[in-house]
Amino acid sequence: MYWVSGPLRNQTVGPAATAQEAVAMVVQRLPACCGPAFLGTPEELAAHEATVKRHRTDGGGKTGQTAAGR
């Protein structure tokens, strides 16, 4: 048995019989503007976000080129 809470810890969604059901309950409640998940450490996430922010401010995402292609 799994218990799904959130988005705040004091909010309850309900029980789920399987892990798949629990994940489905969470996914159904994600906001439409929710971006992709990131698999990594907090340090790796910070480095990734810095890279993405840098590409957005220097126009890197507009040409379709990757950082390696420049």
N, C-alpha and C. Protein backbone atom coordinates (compact mmCIF):
# COMPACT_ATOMS: atom_id res chain seq x y z
N MET A 1 0.85 -1.18 0.00
CA MET A 1 0.00 0.00 0.00
C MET A 1 0.89 1.24 0.00
N TYR A 2 0.52 2.20 -0.82
CA TYR A 2 1.24 3.47 -0.92
C TYR A 2 0.29 4.59 -0.55
N TRP A 3 0.84 5.64 0.04
CA TRP A 3 0.04 6.80 0.40
C TRP A 3 0.56 7.99 -0.37
N VAL A 4 -0.31 8.69 -1.09
CA VAL A 4 0.09 9.82 -1.92
C VAL A 4 -0.35 11.11 -1.23
N SER A 5 0.59 12.01 -1.05
CA SER A 5 0.34 13.30 -0.42
C SER A 5 0.83 14.41 -1.33
N GLY A 6 0.31 15.61 -1.07
CA GLY A 6 0.90 16.76 -1.75
C GLY A 6 -0.10 17.55 -2.56
N PRO A 7 0.37 18.66 -3.10
CA PRO A 7 1.77 19.03 -3.17
C PRO A 7 2.37 19.46 -1.83
N LEU A 8 1.56 19.90 -0.90
CA LEU A 8 2.07 20.21 0.43
C LEU A 8 1.98 18.97 1.30
N ARG A 9 2.85 18.87 2.27
CA ARG A 9 2.89 17.67 3.12
C ARG A 9 1.59 17.47 3.91
N ASN A 10 0.84 18.54 4.14
CA ASN A 10 -0.40 18.40 4.91
C ASN A 10 -1.61 18.15 4.01
N GLN A 11 -1.39 17.97 2.71
CA GLN A 11 -2.47 17.67 1.78
C GLN A 11 -2.45 16.18 1.45
N THR A 12 -3.61 15.59 1.41
CA THR A 12 -3.73 14.16 1.15
C THR A 12 -4.42 13.92 -0.18
N VAL A 13 -3.83 13.04 -1.00
CA VAL A 13 -4.47 12.61 -2.24
C VAL A 13 -5.20 11.30 -1.97
N GLY A 14 -4.51 10.35 -1.35
CA GLY A 14 -5.16 9.11 -1.00
C GLY A 14 -4.25 7.90 -1.14
N PRO A 15 -4.80 6.73 -0.86
CA PRO A 15 -4.01 5.50 -0.94
C PRO A 15 -3.95 4.97 -2.38
N ALA A 16 -2.90 4.22 -2.65
CA ALA A 16 -2.75 3.54 -3.93
C ALA A 16 -2.30 2.11 -3.65
N ALA A 17 -2.83 1.17 -4.39
CA ALA A 17 -2.52 -0.24 -4.16
C ALA A 17 -1.15 -0.63 -4.69
N THR A 18 -0.70 0.05 -5.77
CA THR A 18 0.58 -0.29 -6.38
C THR A 18 1.41 0.96 -6.58
N ALA A 19 2.71 0.77 -6.81
CA ALA A 19 3.58 1.90 -7.09
C ALA A 19 3.15 2.60 -8.38
N GLN A 20 2.76 1.83 -9.38
CA GLN A 20 2.30 2.41 -10.65
C GLN A 20 1.07 3.28 -10.45
N GLU A 21 0.16 2.83 -9.63
CA GLU A 21 -1.05 3.62 -9.34
C GLU A 21 -0.67 4.91 -8.60
N ALA A 22 0.26 4.83 -7.68
CA ALA A 22 0.70 6.02 -6.94
C ALA A 22 1.34 7.03 -7.88
N VAL A 23 2.19 6.56 -8.78
CA VAL A 23 2.83 7.45 -9.75
C VAL A 23 1.78 8.08 -10.65
N ALA A 24 0.82 7.31 -11.10
CA ALA A 24 -0.24 7.85 -11.95
C ALA A 24 -1.02 8.94 -11.24
N MET A 25 -1.28 8.77 -9.96
CA MET A 25 -1.99 9.78 -9.18
C MET A 25 -1.19 11.08 -9.11
N VAL A 26 0.11 10.95 -8.98
CA VAL A 26 0.97 12.14 -8.93
C VAL A 26 1.00 12.82 -10.30
N VAL A 27 1.21 12.05 -11.35
CA VAL A 27 1.31 12.60 -12.70
C VAL A 27 0.02 13.32 -13.09
N GLN A 28 -1.12 12.78 -12.72
CA GLN A 28 -2.41 13.41 -13.03
C GLN A 28 -2.54 14.78 -12.39
N ARG A 29 -1.82 15.02 -11.32
CA ARG A 29 -1.95 16.28 -10.59
C ARG A 29 -0.82 17.28 -10.87
N LEU A 30 0.09 16.95 -11.79
CA LEU A 30 1.15 17.88 -12.14
C LEU A 30 0.57 19.06 -12.90
N PRO A 31 1.10 20.26 -12.68
CA PRO A 31 0.61 21.42 -13.43
C PRO A 31 1.00 21.31 -14.90
N ALA A 32 0.22 21.93 -15.76
CA ALA A 32 0.45 21.86 -17.21
C ALA A 32 1.83 22.41 -17.58
N CYS A 33 2.33 23.36 -16.84
CA CYS A 33 3.62 23.99 -17.16
C CYS A 33 4.80 23.26 -16.53
N CYS A 34 4.57 22.10 -15.98
CA CYS A 34 5.64 21.35 -15.32
C CYS A 34 6.63 20.83 -16.37
N GLY A 35 7.89 21.11 -16.16
CA GLY A 35 8.93 20.67 -17.08
C GLY A 35 9.35 19.24 -16.82
N PRO A 36 10.33 18.77 -17.57
CA PRO A 36 10.78 17.39 -17.40
C PRO A 36 11.53 17.19 -16.08
N ALA A 37 11.56 15.95 -15.65
CA ALA A 37 12.30 15.60 -14.44
C ALA A 37 13.79 15.60 -14.75
N PHE A 38 14.60 15.80 -13.72
CA PHE A 38 16.05 15.76 -13.87
C PHE A 38 16.61 14.69 -12.97
N LEU A 39 17.37 13.78 -13.53
CA LEU A 39 17.98 12.72 -12.77
C LEU A 39 19.43 13.10 -12.51
N GLY A 40 19.75 13.33 -11.24
CA GLY A 40 21.12 13.70 -10.89
C GLY A 40 21.19 14.27 -9.50
N THR A 41 22.38 14.68 -9.12
CA THR A 41 22.60 15.27 -7.80
C THR A 41 22.20 16.74 -7.83
N PRO A 42 22.05 17.36 -6.66
CA PRO A 42 21.76 18.80 -6.63
C PRO A 42 22.84 19.62 -7.36
N GLU A 43 24.09 19.19 -7.25
CA GLU A 43 25.18 19.89 -7.92
C GLU A 43 25.06 19.77 -9.44
N GLU A 44 24.69 18.57 -9.91
CA GLU A 44 24.51 18.37 -11.35
C GLU A 44 23.33 19.18 -11.87
N LEU A 45 22.27 19.28 -11.09
CA LEU A 45 21.11 20.08 -11.48
C LEU A 45 21.50 21.55 -11.58
N ALA A 46 22.25 22.06 -10.61
CA ALA A 46 22.68 23.46 -10.64
C ALA A 46 23.53 23.74 -11.87
N ALA A 47 24.44 22.82 -12.20
CA ALA A 47 25.28 22.99 -13.39
C ALA A 47 24.43 22.97 -14.66
N HIS A 48 23.47 22.07 -14.72
CA HIS A 48 22.57 21.98 -15.87
C HIS A 48 21.75 23.26 -16.02
N GLU A 49 21.19 23.74 -14.92
CA GLU A 49 20.38 24.96 -14.98
C GLU A 49 21.22 26.16 -15.40
N ALA A 50 22.46 26.24 -14.95
CA ALA A 50 23.34 27.34 -15.35
C ALA A 50 23.62 27.28 -16.86
N THR A 51 23.80 26.08 -17.39
CA THR A 51 24.05 25.91 -18.82
C THR A 51 22.82 26.31 -19.62
N VAL A 52 21.65 25.87 -19.18
CA VAL A 52 20.41 26.20 -19.90
C VAL A 52 20.17 27.70 -19.86
N LYS A 53 20.38 28.32 -18.71
CA LYS A 53 20.18 29.76 -18.58
C LYS A 53 21.14 30.51 -19.50
N ARG A 54 22.40 30.06 -19.57
CA ARG A 54 23.41 30.70 -20.41
C ARG A 54 23.00 30.59 -21.88
N HIS A 55 22.51 29.44 -22.31
CA HIS A 55 22.11 29.25 -23.70
C HIS A 55 20.90 30.12 -24.04
N ARG A 56 20.01 30.29 -23.10
CA ARG A 56 18.82 31.12 -23.37
C ARG A 56 19.19 32.59 -23.49
N THR A 57 20.17 33.04 -22.73
CA THR A 57 20.52 34.46 -22.76
C THR A 57 21.45 34.81 -23.91
N ASP A 58 22.19 33.82 -24.46
CA ASP A 58 23.09 34.12 -25.58
C ASP A 58 22.50 33.70 -26.93
N GLY A 59 21.23 33.32 -26.93
CA GLY A 59 20.58 32.93 -28.17
C GLY A 59 20.93 31.54 -28.64
N GLY A 60 21.55 30.74 -27.79
CA GLY A 60 22.01 29.41 -28.18
C GLY A 60 20.90 28.48 -28.58
N GLY A 61 19.71 28.66 -28.05
CA GLY A 61 18.64 27.74 -28.38
C GLY A 61 17.90 28.09 -29.66
N LYS A 62 18.20 29.24 -30.28
CA LYS A 62 17.42 29.70 -31.43
C LYS A 62 17.89 29.09 -32.74
N THR A 63 19.13 28.67 -32.84
CA THR A 63 19.65 28.18 -34.11
C THR A 63 19.54 26.69 -34.26
N GLY A 64 19.24 25.99 -33.18
CA GLY A 64 19.17 24.54 -33.24
C GLY A 64 20.52 23.88 -33.04
N GLN A 65 21.59 24.68 -32.85
CA GLN A 65 22.90 24.12 -32.62
C GLN A 65 23.07 23.73 -31.18
N THR A 66 23.88 22.72 -30.95
CA THR A 66 24.24 22.37 -29.58
C THR A 66 25.50 23.12 -29.21
N ALA A 67 25.84 23.11 -27.95
CA ALA A 67 27.05 23.79 -27.51
C ALA A 67 28.27 23.19 -28.21
N ALA A 68 28.26 21.89 -28.47
CA ALA A 68 29.39 21.24 -29.12
C ALA A 68 29.48 21.63 -30.60
N GLY A 69 28.36 22.03 -31.18
CA GLY A 69 28.33 22.37 -32.60
C GLY A 69 28.77 23.78 -32.92
N ARG A 70 29.12 24.55 -31.93
CA ARG A 70 29.53 25.94 -32.15
C ARG A 70 30.99 26.06 -32.36
